[in-house]
Amino acid sequence: LKHLDELENEFQFSVVSESVIFFV
């Protein structure tokens, strides 16, 4: 859950991509 919170806070979507995948 700590790792997931960190990834959420760091998240920035890019128009180059259509999807973002997290492995936690």
PDBML (XML) file of the C-alpha atoms, coordinates in Angstrom:
<?xml version="1.0" encoding="UTF-8" ?>
<PDBx:datablock datablockName="MODEL"
   xmlns:PDBx="http://pdbml.pdb.org/schema/pdbx-v50.xsd"
   xmlns:xsi="http://www.w3.org/2001/XMLSchema-instance"
   xsi:schemaLocation="http://pdbml.pdb.org/schema/pdbx-v50.xsd pdbx-v50.xsd">
   <PDBx:atom_siteCategory>
      <PDBx:atom_site id="1">
         <PDBx:B_iso_or_equiv>0.00</PDBx:B_iso_or_equiv>
         <PDBx:Cartn_x>0.000</PDBx:Cartn_x>
         <PDBx:Cartn_y>0.000</PDBx:Cartn_y>
         <PDBx:Cartn_z>0.000</PDBx:Cartn_z>
         <PDBx:auth_asym_id>A</PDBx:auth_asym_id>
         <PDBx:auth_atom_id>CA</PDBx:auth_atom_id>
         <PDBx:auth_comp_id>LEU</PDBx:auth_comp_id>
         <PDBx:auth_seq_id>1</PDBx:auth_seq_id>
         <PDBx:group_PDB>ATOM</PDBx:group_PDB>
         <PDBx:label_alt_id xsi:nil="true" />
         <PDBx:label_asym_id>A</PDBx:label_asym_id>
         <PDBx:label_atom_id>CA</PDBx:label_atom_id>
         <PDBx:label_comp_id>LEU</PDBx:label_comp_id>
         <PDBx:label_entity_id>1</PDBx:label_entity_id>
         <PDBx:label_seq_id>1</PDBx:label_seq_id>
         <PDBx:occupancy>1.00</PDBx:occupancy>
         <PDBx:pdbx_PDB_model_num>1</PDBx:pdbx_PDB_model_num>
         <PDBx:type_symbol>C</PDBx:type_symbol>
      </PDBx:atom_site>
      <PDBx:atom_site id="2">
         <PDBx:B_iso_or_equiv>0.00</PDBx:B_iso_or_equiv>
         <PDBx:Cartn_x>2.914</PDBx:Cartn_x>
         <PDBx:Cartn_y>2.323</PDBx:Cartn_y>
         <PDBx:Cartn_z>0.710</PDBx:Cartn_z>
         <PDBx:auth_asym_id>A</PDBx:auth_asym_id>
         <PDBx:auth_atom_id>CA</PDBx:auth_atom_id>
         <PDBx:auth_comp_id>LYS</PDBx:auth_comp_id>
         <PDBx:auth_seq_id>2</PDBx:auth_seq_id>
         <PDBx:group_PDB>ATOM</PDBx:group_PDB>
         <PDBx:label_alt_id xsi:nil="true" />
         <PDBx:label_asym_id>A</PDBx:label_asym_id>
         <PDBx:label_atom_id>CA</PDBx:label_atom_id>
         <PDBx:label_comp_id>LYS</PDBx:label_comp_id>
         <PDBx:label_entity_id>1</PDBx:label_entity_id>
         <PDBx:label_seq_id>2</PDBx:label_seq_id>
         <PDBx:occupancy>1.00</PDBx:occupancy>
         <PDBx:pdbx_PDB_model_num>1</PDBx:pdbx_PDB_model_num>
         <PDBx:type_symbol>C</PDBx:type_symbol>
      </PDBx:atom_site>
      <PDBx:atom_site id="3">
         <PDBx:B_iso_or_equiv>0.00</PDBx:B_iso_or_equiv>
         <PDBx:Cartn_x>4.392</PDBx:Cartn_x>
         <PDBx:Cartn_y>1.599</PDBx:Cartn_y>
         <PDBx:Cartn_z>-2.713</PDBx:Cartn_z>
         <PDBx:auth_asym_id>A</PDBx:auth_asym_id>
         <PDBx:auth_atom_id>CA</PDBx:auth_atom_id>
         <PDBx:auth_comp_id>HIS</PDBx:auth_comp_id>
         <PDBx:auth_seq_id>3</PDBx:auth_seq_id>
         <PDBx:group_PDB>ATOM</PDBx:group_PDB>
         <PDBx:label_alt_id xsi:nil="true" />
         <PDBx:label_asym_id>A</PDBx:label_asym_id>
         <PDBx:label_atom_id>CA</PDBx:label_atom_id>
         <PDBx:label_comp_id>HIS</PDBx:label_comp_id>
         <PDBx:label_entity_id>1</PDBx:label_entity_id>
         <PDBx:label_seq_id>3</PDBx:label_seq_id>
         <PDBx:occupancy>1.00</PDBx:occupancy>
         <PDBx:pdbx_PDB_model_num>1</PDBx:pdbx_PDB_model_num>
         <PDBx:type_symbol>C</PDBx:type_symbol>
      </PDBx:atom_site>
      <PDBx:atom_site id="4">
         <PDBx:B_iso_or_equiv>0.00</PDBx:B_iso_or_equiv>
         <PDBx:Cartn_x>1.022</PDBx:Cartn_x>
         <PDBx:Cartn_y>2.161</PDBx:Cartn_y>
         <PDBx:Cartn_z>-4.347</PDBx:Cartn_z>
         <PDBx:auth_asym_id>A</PDBx:auth_asym_id>
         <PDBx:auth_atom_id>CA</PDBx:auth_atom_id>
         <PDBx:auth_comp_id>LEU</PDBx:auth_comp_id>
         <PDBx:auth_seq_id>4</PDBx:auth_seq_id>
         <PDBx:group_PDB>ATOM</PDBx:group_PDB>
         <PDBx:label_alt_id xsi:nil="true" />
         <PDBx:label_asym_id>A</PDBx:label_asym_id>
         <PDBx:label_atom_id>CA</PDBx:label_atom_id>
         <PDBx:label_comp_id>LEU</PDBx:label_comp_id>
         <PDBx:label_entity_id>1</PDBx:label_entity_id>
         <PDBx:label_seq_id>4</PDBx:label_seq_id>
         <PDBx:occupancy>1.00</PDBx:occupancy>
         <PDBx:pdbx_PDB_model_num>1</PDBx:pdbx_PDB_model_num>
         <PDBx:type_symbol>C</PDBx:type_symbol>
      </PDBx:atom_site>
      <PDBx:atom_site id="5">
         <PDBx:B_iso_or_equiv>0.00</PDBx:B_iso_or_equiv>
         <PDBx:Cartn_x>0.626</PDBx:Cartn_x>
         <PDBx:Cartn_y>5.538</PDBx:Cartn_y>
         <PDBx:Cartn_z>-2.653</PDBx:Cartn_z>
         <PDBx:auth_asym_id>A</PDBx:auth_asym_id>
         <PDBx:auth_atom_id>CA</PDBx:auth_atom_id>
         <PDBx:auth_comp_id>ASP</PDBx:auth_comp_id>
         <PDBx:auth_seq_id>5</PDBx:auth_seq_id>
         <PDBx:group_PDB>ATOM</PDBx:group_PDB>
         <PDBx:label_alt_id xsi:nil="true" />
         <PDBx:label_asym_id>A</PDBx:label_asym_id>
         <PDBx:label_atom_id>CA</PDBx:label_atom_id>
         <PDBx:label_comp_id>ASP</PDBx:label_comp_id>
         <PDBx:label_entity_id>1</PDBx:label_entity_id>
         <PDBx:label_seq_id>5</PDBx:label_seq_id>
         <PDBx:occupancy>1.00</PDBx:occupancy>
         <PDBx:pdbx_PDB_model_num>1</PDBx:pdbx_PDB_model_num>
         <PDBx:type_symbol>C</PDBx:type_symbol>
      </PDBx:atom_site>
      <PDBx:atom_site id="6">
         <PDBx:B_iso_or_equiv>0.00</PDBx:B_iso_or_equiv>
         <PDBx:Cartn_x>4.075</PDBx:Cartn_x>
         <PDBx:Cartn_y>6.558</PDBx:Cartn_y>
         <PDBx:Cartn_z>-3.858</PDBx:Cartn_z>
         <PDBx:auth_asym_id>A</PDBx:auth_asym_id>
         <PDBx:auth_atom_id>CA</PDBx:auth_atom_id>
         <PDBx:auth_comp_id>GLU</PDBx:auth_comp_id>
         <PDBx:auth_seq_id>6</PDBx:auth_seq_id>
         <PDBx:group_PDB>ATOM</PDBx:group_PDB>
         <PDBx:label_alt_id xsi:nil="true" />
         <PDBx:label_asym_id>A</PDBx:label_asym_id>
         <PDBx:label_atom_id>CA</PDBx:label_atom_id>
         <PDBx:label_comp_id>GLU</PDBx:label_comp_id>
         <PDBx:label_entity_id>1</PDBx:label_entity_id>
         <PDBx:label_seq_id>6</PDBx:label_seq_id>
         <PDBx:occupancy>1.00</PDBx:occupancy>
         <PDBx:pdbx_PDB_model_num>1</PDBx:pdbx_PDB_model_num>
         <PDBx:type_symbol>C</PDBx:type_symbol>
      </PDBx:atom_site>
      <PDBx:atom_site id="7">
         <PDBx:B_iso_or_equiv>0.00</PDBx:B_iso_or_equiv>
         <PDBx:Cartn_x>3.303</PDBx:Cartn_x>
         <PDBx:Cartn_y>5.591</PDBx:Cartn_y>
         <PDBx:Cartn_z>-7.435</PDBx:Cartn_z>
         <PDBx:auth_asym_id>A</PDBx:auth_asym_id>
         <PDBx:auth_atom_id>CA</PDBx:auth_atom_id>
         <PDBx:auth_comp_id>LEU</PDBx:auth_comp_id>
         <PDBx:auth_seq_id>7</PDBx:auth_seq_id>
         <PDBx:group_PDB>ATOM</PDBx:group_PDB>
         <PDBx:label_alt_id xsi:nil="true" />
         <PDBx:label_asym_id>A</PDBx:label_asym_id>
         <PDBx:label_atom_id>CA</PDBx:label_atom_id>
         <PDBx:label_comp_id>LEU</PDBx:label_comp_id>
         <PDBx:label_entity_id>1</PDBx:label_entity_id>
         <PDBx:label_seq_id>7</PDBx:label_seq_id>
         <PDBx:occupancy>1.00</PDBx:occupancy>
         <PDBx:pdbx_PDB_model_num>1</PDBx:pdbx_PDB_model_num>
         <PDBx:type_symbol>C</PDBx:type_symbol>
      </PDBx:atom_site>
      <PDBx:atom_site id="8">
         <PDBx:B_iso_or_equiv>0.00</PDBx:B_iso_or_equiv>
         <PDBx:Cartn_x>0.018</PDBx:Cartn_x>
         <PDBx:Cartn_y>7.490</PDBx:Cartn_y>
         <PDBx:Cartn_z>-7.319</PDBx:Cartn_z>
         <PDBx:auth_asym_id>A</PDBx:auth_asym_id>
         <PDBx:auth_atom_id>CA</PDBx:auth_atom_id>
         <PDBx:auth_comp_id>GLU</PDBx:auth_comp_id>
         <PDBx:auth_seq_id>8</PDBx:auth_seq_id>
         <PDBx:group_PDB>ATOM</PDBx:group_PDB>
         <PDBx:label_alt_id xsi:nil="true" />
         <PDBx:label_asym_id>A</PDBx:label_asym_id>
         <PDBx:label_atom_id>CA</PDBx:label_atom_id>
         <PDBx:label_comp_id>GLU</PDBx:label_comp_id>
         <PDBx:label_entity_id>1</PDBx:label_entity_id>
         <PDBx:label_seq_id>8</PDBx:label_seq_id>
         <PDBx:occupancy>1.00</PDBx:occupancy>
         <PDBx:pdbx_PDB_model_num>1</PDBx:pdbx_PDB_model_num>
         <PDBx:type_symbol>C</PDBx:type_symbol>
      </PDBx:atom_site>
      <PDBx:atom_site id="9">
         <PDBx:B_iso_or_equiv>0.00</PDBx:B_iso_or_equiv>
         <PDBx:Cartn_x>1.792</PDBx:Cartn_x>
         <PDBx:Cartn_y>10.618</PDBx:Cartn_y>
         <PDBx:Cartn_z>-6.103</PDBx:Cartn_z>
         <PDBx:auth_asym_id>A</PDBx:auth_asym_id>
         <PDBx:auth_atom_id>CA</PDBx:auth_atom_id>
         <PDBx:auth_comp_id>ASN</PDBx:auth_comp_id>
         <PDBx:auth_seq_id>9</PDBx:auth_seq_id>
         <PDBx:group_PDB>ATOM</PDBx:group_PDB>
         <PDBx:label_alt_id xsi:nil="true" />
         <PDBx:label_asym_id>A</PDBx:label_asym_id>
         <PDBx:label_atom_id>CA</PDBx:label_atom_id>
         <PDBx:label_comp_id>ASN</PDBx:label_comp_id>
         <PDBx:label_entity_id>1</PDBx:label_entity_id>
         <PDBx:label_seq_id>9</PDBx:label_seq_id>
         <PDBx:occupancy>1.00</PDBx:occupancy>
         <PDBx:pdbx_PDB_model_num>1</PDBx:pdbx_PDB_model_num>
         <PDBx:type_symbol>C</PDBx:type_symbol>
      </PDBx:atom_site>
      <PDBx:atom_site id="10">
         <PDBx:B_iso_or_equiv>0.00</PDBx:B_iso_or_equiv>
         <PDBx:Cartn_x>4.449</PDBx:Cartn_x>
         <PDBx:Cartn_y>10.295</PDBx:Cartn_y>
         <PDBx:Cartn_z>-8.804</PDBx:Cartn_z>
         <PDBx:auth_asym_id>A</PDBx:auth_asym_id>
         <PDBx:auth_atom_id>CA</PDBx:auth_atom_id>
         <PDBx:auth_comp_id>GLU</PDBx:auth_comp_id>
         <PDBx:auth_seq_id>10</PDBx:auth_seq_id>
         <PDBx:group_PDB>ATOM</PDBx:group_PDB>
         <PDBx:label_alt_id xsi:nil="true" />
         <PDBx:label_asym_id>A</PDBx:label_asym_id>
         <PDBx:label_atom_id>CA</PDBx:label_atom_id>
         <PDBx:label_comp_id>GLU</PDBx:label_comp_id>
         <PDBx:label_entity_id>1</PDBx:label_entity_id>
         <PDBx:label_seq_id>10</PDBx:label_seq_id>
         <PDBx:occupancy>1.00</PDBx:occupancy>
         <PDBx:pdbx_PDB_model_num>1</PDBx:pdbx_PDB_model_num>
         <PDBx:type_symbol>C</PDBx:type_symbol>
      </PDBx:atom_site>
      <PDBx:atom_site id="11">
         <PDBx:B_iso_or_equiv>0.00</PDBx:B_iso_or_equiv>
         <PDBx:Cartn_x>1.977</PDBx:Cartn_x>
         <PDBx:Cartn_y>9.596</PDBx:Cartn_y>
         <PDBx:Cartn_z>-11.583</PDBx:Cartn_z>
         <PDBx:auth_asym_id>A</PDBx:auth_asym_id>
         <PDBx:auth_atom_id>CA</PDBx:auth_atom_id>
         <PDBx:auth_comp_id>PHE</PDBx:auth_comp_id>
         <PDBx:auth_seq_id>11</PDBx:auth_seq_id>
         <PDBx:group_PDB>ATOM</PDBx:group_PDB>
         <PDBx:label_alt_id xsi:nil="true" />
         <PDBx:label_asym_id>A</PDBx:label_asym_id>
         <PDBx:label_atom_id>CA</PDBx:label_atom_id>
         <PDBx:label_comp_id>PHE</PDBx:label_comp_id>
         <PDBx:label_entity_id>1</PDBx:label_entity_id>
         <PDBx:label_seq_id>11</PDBx:label_seq_id>
         <PDBx:occupancy>1.00</PDBx:occupancy>
         <PDBx:pdbx_PDB_model_num>1</PDBx:pdbx_PDB_model_num>
         <PDBx:type_symbol>C</PDBx:type_symbol>
      </PDBx:atom_site>
      <PDBx:atom_site id="12">
         <PDBx:B_iso_or_equiv>0.00</PDBx:B_iso_or_equiv>
         <PDBx:Cartn_x>2.053</PDBx:Cartn_x>
         <PDBx:Cartn_y>11.830</PDBx:Cartn_y>
         <PDBx:Cartn_z>-14.668</PDBx:Cartn_z>
         <PDBx:auth_asym_id>A</PDBx:auth_asym_id>
         <PDBx:auth_atom_id>CA</PDBx:auth_atom_id>
         <PDBx:auth_comp_id>GLN</PDBx:auth_comp_id>
         <PDBx:auth_seq_id>12</PDBx:auth_seq_id>
         <PDBx:group_PDB>ATOM</PDBx:group_PDB>
         <PDBx:label_alt_id xsi:nil="true" />
         <PDBx:label_asym_id>A</PDBx:label_asym_id>
         <PDBx:label_atom_id>CA</PDBx:label_atom_id>
         <PDBx:label_comp_id>GLN</PDBx:label_comp_id>
         <PDBx:label_entity_id>1</PDBx:label_entity_id>
         <PDBx:label_seq_id>12</PDBx:label_seq_id>
         <PDBx:occupancy>1.00</PDBx:occupancy>
         <PDBx:pdbx_PDB_model_num>1</PDBx:pdbx_PDB_model_num>
         <PDBx:type_symbol>C</PDBx:type_symbol>
      </PDBx:atom_site>
      <PDBx:atom_site id="13">
         <PDBx:B_iso_or_equiv>0.00</PDBx:B_iso_or_equiv>
         <PDBx:Cartn_x>0.147</PDBx:Cartn_x>
         <PDBx:Cartn_y>10.754</PDBx:Cartn_y>
         <PDBx:Cartn_z>-17.767</PDBx:Cartn_z>
         <PDBx:auth_asym_id>A</PDBx:auth_asym_id>
         <PDBx:auth_atom_id>CA</PDBx:auth_atom_id>
         <PDBx:auth_comp_id>PHE</PDBx:auth_comp_id>
         <PDBx:auth_seq_id>13</PDBx:auth_seq_id>
         <PDBx:group_PDB>ATOM</PDBx:group_PDB>
         <PDBx:label_alt_id xsi:nil="true" />
         <PDBx:label_asym_id>A</PDBx:label_asym_id>
         <PDBx:label_atom_id>CA</PDBx:label_atom_id>
         <PDBx:label_comp_id>PHE</PDBx:label_comp_id>
         <PDBx:label_entity_id>1</PDBx:label_entity_id>
         <PDBx:label_seq_id>13</PDBx:label_seq_id>
         <PDBx:occupancy>1.00</PDBx:occupancy>
         <PDBx:pdbx_PDB_model_num>1</PDBx:pdbx_PDB_model_num>
         <PDBx:type_symbol>C</PDBx:type_symbol>
      </PDBx:atom_site>
      <PDBx:atom_site id="14">
         <PDBx:B_iso_or_equiv>0.00</PDBx:B_iso_or_equiv>
         <PDBx:Cartn_x>1.770</PDBx:Cartn_x>
         <PDBx:Cartn_y>11.314</PDBx:Cartn_y>
         <PDBx:Cartn_z>-21.183</PDBx:Cartn_z>
         <PDBx:auth_asym_id>A</PDBx:auth_asym_id>
         <PDBx:auth_atom_id>CA</PDBx:auth_atom_id>
         <PDBx:auth_comp_id>SER</PDBx:auth_comp_id>
         <PDBx:auth_seq_id>14</PDBx:auth_seq_id>
         <PDBx:group_PDB>ATOM</PDBx:group_PDB>
         <PDBx:label_alt_id xsi:nil="true" />
         <PDBx:label_asym_id>A</PDBx:label_asym_id>
         <PDBx:label_atom_id>CA</PDBx:label_atom_id>
         <PDBx:label_comp_id>SER</PDBx:label_comp_id>
         <PDBx:label_entity_id>1</PDBx:label_entity_id>
         <PDBx:label_seq_id>14</PDBx:label_seq_id>
         <PDBx:occupancy>1.00</PDBx:occupancy>
         <PDBx:pdbx_PDB_model_num>1</PDBx:pdbx_PDB_model_num>
         <PDBx:type_symbol>C</PDBx:type_symbol>
      </PDBx:atom_site>
      <PDBx:atom_site id="15">
         <PDBx:B_iso_or_equiv>0.00</PDBx:B_iso_or_equiv>
         <PDBx:Cartn_x>-0.102</PDBx:Cartn_x>
         <PDBx:Cartn_y>11.762</PDBx:Cartn_y>
         <PDBx:Cartn_z>-24.446</PDBx:Cartn_z>
         <PDBx:auth_asym_id>A</PDBx:auth_asym_id>
         <PDBx:auth_atom_id>CA</PDBx:auth_atom_id>
         <PDBx:auth_comp_id>VAL</PDBx:auth_comp_id>
         <PDBx:auth_seq_id>15</PDBx:auth_seq_id>
         <PDBx:group_PDB>ATOM</PDBx:group_PDB>
         <PDBx:label_alt_id xsi:nil="true" />
         <PDBx:label_asym_id>A</PDBx:label_asym_id>
         <PDBx:label_atom_id>CA</PDBx:label_atom_id>
         <PDBx:label_comp_id>VAL</PDBx:label_comp_id>
         <PDBx:label_entity_id>1</PDBx:label_entity_id>
         <PDBx:label_seq_id>15</PDBx:label_seq_id>
         <PDBx:occupancy>1.00</PDBx:occupancy>
         <PDBx:pdbx_PDB_model_num>1</PDBx:pdbx_PDB_model_num>
         <PDBx:type_symbol>C</PDBx:type_symbol>
      </PDBx:atom_site>
      <PDBx:atom_site id="16">
         <PDBx:B_iso_or_equiv>0.00</PDBx:B_iso_or_equiv>
         <PDBx:Cartn_x>2.578</PDBx:Cartn_x>
         <PDBx:Cartn_y>9.644</PDBx:Cartn_y>
         <PDBx:Cartn_z>-26.101</PDBx:Cartn_z>
         <PDBx:auth_asym_id>A</PDBx:auth_asym_id>
         <PDBx:auth_atom_id>CA</PDBx:auth_atom_id>
         <PDBx:auth_comp_id>VAL</PDBx:auth_comp_id>
         <PDBx:auth_seq_id>16</PDBx:auth_seq_id>
         <PDBx:group_PDB>ATOM</PDBx:group_PDB>
         <PDBx:label_alt_id xsi:nil="true" />
         <PDBx:label_asym_id>A</PDBx:label_asym_id>
         <PDBx:label_atom_id>CA</PDBx:label_atom_id>
         <PDBx:label_comp_id>VAL</PDBx:label_comp_id>
         <PDBx:label_entity_id>1</PDBx:label_entity_id>
         <PDBx:label_seq_id>16</PDBx:label_seq_id>
         <PDBx:occupancy>1.00</PDBx:occupancy>
         <PDBx:pdbx_PDB_model_num>1</PDBx:pdbx_PDB_model_num>
         <PDBx:type_symbol>C</PDBx:type_symbol>
      </PDBx:atom_site>
      <PDBx:atom_site id="17">
         <PDBx:B_iso_or_equiv>0.00</PDBx:B_iso_or_equiv>
         <PDBx:Cartn_x>1.165</PDBx:Cartn_x>
         <PDBx:Cartn_y>6.703</PDBx:Cartn_y>
         <PDBx:Cartn_z>-24.184</PDBx:Cartn_z>
         <PDBx:auth_asym_id>A</PDBx:auth_asym_id>
         <PDBx:auth_atom_id>CA</PDBx:auth_atom_id>
         <PDBx:auth_comp_id>SER</PDBx:auth_comp_id>
         <PDBx:auth_seq_id>17</PDBx:auth_seq_id>
         <PDBx:group_PDB>ATOM</PDBx:group_PDB>
         <PDBx:label_alt_id xsi:nil="true" />
         <PDBx:label_asym_id>A</PDBx:label_asym_id>
         <PDBx:label_atom_id>CA</PDBx:label_atom_id>
         <PDBx:label_comp_id>SER</PDBx:label_comp_id>
         <PDBx:label_entity_id>1</PDBx:label_entity_id>
         <PDBx:label_seq_id>17</PDBx:label_seq_id>
         <PDBx:occupancy>1.00</PDBx:occupancy>
         <PDBx:pdbx_PDB_model_num>1</PDBx:pdbx_PDB_model_num>
         <PDBx:type_symbol>C</PDBx:type_symbol>
      </PDBx:atom_site>
      <PDBx:atom_site id="18">
         <PDBx:B_iso_or_equiv>0.00</PDBx:B_iso_or_equiv>
         <PDBx:Cartn_x>-2.336</PDBx:Cartn_x>
         <PDBx:Cartn_y>5.311</PDBx:Cartn_y>
         <PDBx:Cartn_z>-24.192</PDBx:Cartn_z>
         <PDBx:auth_asym_id>A</PDBx:auth_asym_id>
         <PDBx:auth_atom_id>CA</PDBx:auth_atom_id>
         <PDBx:auth_comp_id>GLU</PDBx:auth_comp_id>
         <PDBx:auth_seq_id>18</PDBx:auth_seq_id>
         <PDBx:group_PDB>ATOM</PDBx:group_PDB>
         <PDBx:label_alt_id xsi:nil="true" />
         <PDBx:label_asym_id>A</PDBx:label_asym_id>
         <PDBx:label_atom_id>CA</PDBx:label_atom_id>
         <PDBx:label_comp_id>GLU</PDBx:label_comp_id>
         <PDBx:label_entity_id>1</PDBx:label_entity_id>
         <PDBx:label_seq_id>18</PDBx:label_seq_id>
         <PDBx:occupancy>1.00</PDBx:occupancy>
         <PDBx:pdbx_PDB_model_num>1</PDBx:pdbx_PDB_model_num>
         <PDBx:type_symbol>C</PDBx:type_symbol>
      </PDBx:atom_site>
      <PDBx:atom_site id="19">
         <PDBx:B_iso_or_equiv>0.00</PDBx:B_iso_or_equiv>
         <PDBx:Cartn_x>-1.956</PDBx:Cartn_x>
         <PDBx:Cartn_y>3.249</PDBx:Cartn_y>
         <PDBx:Cartn_z>-21.009</PDBx:Cartn_z>
         <PDBx:auth_asym_id>A</PDBx:auth_asym_id>
         <PDBx:auth_atom_id>CA</PDBx:auth_atom_id>
         <PDBx:auth_comp_id>SER</PDBx:auth_comp_id>
         <PDBx:auth_seq_id>19</PDBx:auth_seq_id>
         <PDBx:group_PDB>ATOM</PDBx:group_PDB>
         <PDBx:label_alt_id xsi:nil="true" />
         <PDBx:label_asym_id>A</PDBx:label_asym_id>
         <PDBx:label_atom_id>CA</PDBx:label_atom_id>
         <PDBx:label_comp_id>SER</PDBx:label_comp_id>
         <PDBx:label_entity_id>1</PDBx:label_entity_id>
         <PDBx:label_seq_id>19</PDBx:label_seq_id>
         <PDBx:occupancy>1.00</PDBx:occupancy>
         <PDBx:pdbx_PDB_model_num>1</PDBx:pdbx_PDB_model_num>
         <PDBx:type_symbol>C</PDBx:type_symbol>
      </PDBx:atom_site>
      <PDBx:atom_site id="20">
         <PDBx:B_iso_or_equiv>0.00</PDBx:B_iso_or_equiv>
         <PDBx:Cartn_x>0.097</PDBx:Cartn_x>
         <PDBx:Cartn_y>3.082</PDBx:Cartn_y>
         <PDBx:Cartn_z>-17.833</PDBx:Cartn_z>
         <PDBx:auth_asym_id>A</PDBx:auth_asym_id>
         <PDBx:auth_atom_id>CA</PDBx:auth_atom_id>
         <PDBx:auth_comp_id>VAL</PDBx:auth_comp_id>
         <PDBx:auth_seq_id>20</PDBx:auth_seq_id>
         <PDBx:group_PDB>ATOM</PDBx:group_PDB>
         <PDBx:label_alt_id xsi:nil="true" />
         <PDBx:label_asym_id>A</PDBx:label_asym_id>
         <PDBx:label_atom_id>CA</PDBx:label_atom_id>
         <PDBx:label_comp_id>VAL</PDBx:label_comp_id>
         <PDBx:label_entity_id>1</PDBx:label_entity_id>
         <PDBx:label_seq_id>20</PDBx:label_seq_id>
         <PDBx:occupancy>1.00</PDBx:occupancy>
         <PDBx:pdbx_PDB_model_num>1</PDBx:pdbx_PDB_model_num>
         <PDBx:type_symbol>C</PDBx:type_symbol>
      </PDBx:atom_site>
      <PDBx:atom_site id="21">
         <PDBx:B_iso_or_equiv>0.00</PDBx:B_iso_or_equiv>
         <PDBx:Cartn_x>0.712</PDBx:Cartn_x>
         <PDBx:Cartn_y>-0.213</PDBx:Cartn_y>
         <PDBx:Cartn_z>-16.037</PDBx:Cartn_z>
         <PDBx:auth_asym_id>A</PDBx:auth_asym_id>
         <PDBx:auth_atom_id>CA</PDBx:auth_atom_id>
         <PDBx:auth_comp_id>ILE</PDBx:auth_comp_id>
         <PDBx:auth_seq_id>21</PDBx:auth_seq_id>
         <PDBx:group_PDB>ATOM</PDBx:group_PDB>
         <PDBx:label_alt_id xsi:nil="true" />
         <PDBx:label_asym_id>A</PDBx:label_asym_id>
         <PDBx:label_atom_id>CA</PDBx:label_atom_id>
         <PDBx:label_comp_id>ILE</PDBx:label_comp_id>
         <PDBx:label_entity_id>1</PDBx:label_entity_id>
         <PDBx:label_seq_id>21</PDBx:label_seq_id>
         <PDBx:occupancy>1.00</PDBx:occupancy>
         <PDBx:pdbx_PDB_model_num>1</PDBx:pdbx_PDB_model_num>
         <PDBx:type_symbol>C</PDBx:type_symbol>
      </PDBx:atom_site>
      <PDBx:atom_site id="22">
         <PDBx:B_iso_or_equiv>0.00</PDBx:B_iso_or_equiv>
         <PDBx:Cartn_x>1.736</PDBx:Cartn_x>
         <PDBx:Cartn_y>-0.579</PDBx:Cartn_y>
         <PDBx:Cartn_z>-12.397</PDBx:Cartn_z>
         <PDBx:auth_asym_id>A</PDBx:auth_asym_id>
         <PDBx:auth_atom_id>CA</PDBx:auth_atom_id>
         <PDBx:auth_comp_id>PHE</PDBx:auth_comp_id>
         <PDBx:auth_seq_id>22</PDBx:auth_seq_id>
         <PDBx:group_PDB>ATOM</PDBx:group_PDB>
         <PDBx:label_alt_id xsi:nil="true" />
         <PDBx:label_asym_id>A</PDBx:label_asym_id>
         <PDBx:label_atom_id>CA</PDBx:label_atom_id>
         <PDBx:label_comp_id>PHE</PDBx:label_comp_id>
         <PDBx:label_entity_id>1</PDBx:label_entity_id>
         <PDBx:label_seq_id>22</PDBx:label_seq_id>
         <PDBx:occupancy>1.00</PDBx:occupancy>
         <PDBx:pdbx_PDB_model_num>1</PDBx:pdbx_PDB_model_num>
         <PDBx:type_symbol>C</PDBx:type_symbol>
      </PDBx:atom_site>
      <PDBx:atom_site id="23">
         <PDBx:B_iso_or_equiv>0.00</PDBx:B_iso_or_equiv>
         <PDBx:Cartn_x>3.390</PDBx:Cartn_x>
         <PDBx:Cartn_y>-3.643</PDBx:Cartn_y>
         <PDBx:Cartn_z>-10.856</PDBx:Cartn_z>
         <PDBx:auth_asym_id>A</PDBx:auth_asym_id>
         <PDBx:auth_atom_id>CA</PDBx:auth_atom_id>
         <PDBx:auth_comp_id>PHE</PDBx:auth_comp_id>
         <PDBx:auth_seq_id>23</PDBx:auth_seq_id>
         <PDBx:group_PDB>ATOM</PDBx:group_PDB>
         <PDBx:label_alt_id xsi:nil="true" />
         <PDBx:label_asym_id>A</PDBx:label_asym_id>
         <PDBx:label_atom_id>CA</PDBx:label_atom_id>
         <PDBx:label_comp_id>PHE</PDBx:label_comp_id>
         <PDBx:label_entity_id>1</PDBx:label_entity_id>
         <PDBx:label_seq_id>23</PDBx:label_seq_id>
         <PDBx:occupancy>1.00</PDBx:occupancy>
         <PDBx:pdbx_PDB_model_num>1</PDBx:pdbx_PDB_model_num>
         <PDBx:type_symbol>C</PDBx:type_symbol>
      </PDBx:atom_site>
      <PDBx:atom_site id="24">
         <PDBx:B_iso_or_equiv>0.00</PDBx:B_iso_or_equiv>
         <PDBx:Cartn_x>3.275</PDBx:Cartn_x>
         <PDBx:Cartn_y>-3.464</PDBx:Cartn_y>
         <PDBx:Cartn_z>-7.065</PDBx:Cartn_z>
         <PDBx:auth_asym_id>A</PDBx:auth_asym_id>
         <PDBx:auth_atom_id>CA</PDBx:auth_atom_id>
         <PDBx:auth_comp_id>VAL</PDBx:auth_comp_id>
         <PDBx:auth_seq_id>24</PDBx:auth_seq_id>
         <PDBx:group_PDB>ATOM</PDBx:group_PDB>
         <PDBx:label_alt_id xsi:nil="true" />
         <PDBx:label_asym_id>A</PDBx:label_asym_id>
         <PDBx:label_atom_id>CA</PDBx:label_atom_id>
         <PDBx:label_comp_id>VAL</PDBx:label_comp_id>
         <PDBx:label_entity_id>1</PDBx:label_entity_id>
         <PDBx:label_seq_id>24</PDBx:label_seq_id>
         <PDBx:occupancy>1.00</PDBx:occupancy>
         <PDBx:pdbx_PDB_model_num>1</PDBx:pdbx_PDB_model_num>
         <PDBx:type_symbol>C</PDBx:type_symbol>
      </PDBx:atom_site>
   </PDBx:atom_siteCategory>
</PDBx:datablock>
